[in-house]
Amino acid sequence: MNTVPVRILLFYVLTLAVIMAIIPWNEISKDRSPFVQIFEALGVGPAAAVLNVVVITAALSAINSDVFGAGRMLYGMAERGQAPQALTKVSRNGVPYLTVVIMAGALLVGVVLNWLIPENVFAVIASIATFATIFVWLMILAAQFKSRRSMTPEQEAGLKFPVPLWPCGQLITMAFLVFVTVLLGFHSDTRVALYVGAVWLVVLAVAFRFLPRTPKIELEKI
């Protein structure tokens, strides 16, 4: 947890700074990896081909991780009655195979989209993922903010991770995430994320209203 800010600065902020120091942001092509473009601009063609292999391998690894994580999450929700009970069925090796089938179906949706709108599919999927990430972090920040506000001074003093800049840091971060969400609506390629996100929030609200909830005592144990 303590190294997360350093990782973000190193692998995201610094990476973007290096890319745009070599190639202006408005000259980066959407059809190829910016890292490949950097190597090509430096005249290192073979390195660009090797990097393509690395990117594909990393993508496959991420897909494998997502299938595992999302599948186990669906399994856990089914155990608590928050998803169809069929998702609790497992194979001989203890793998919840129906959740894997569902995730494979979601991946096939991506294949179909790539066939229907190959020029815009990356921007559409990336913008939807951006909305999902922003929403998740907004909920994390809101939950942390509410939890911290309800603490006594003694409880705050005993926190292992007190979080610096409280409460301004949380409020500024939430405002920035809302600002990024607004920016998604300014471009037609990314505006679809707001439409899909709105529909998804309605689905979550309906599910929260009608599906059984995890008892408070069990949540405290978790």
Foldseek 3Di string as FASTA:
>chain_A
DVCVVVCCCPVPVVVVVVLCVQPPPVPQDPVDDSVLVSCVVVVNNVVSVVVVVVVVVVVVVVLVVCLVVQLVVQLVCLVVQLHPVLQVDADPVRGSVVSSVVSVVVVVVLVVCCVVCVPQSVLQVVLLVLLVVLVVVLVVLVVVLVVVVPDDPVVCVPDPCNDPPPPVVSVVVNVVSVVVVVVLCPDPSNVVSVVVVVVVVVVVVVSVVPTDDDDPVVVVVD
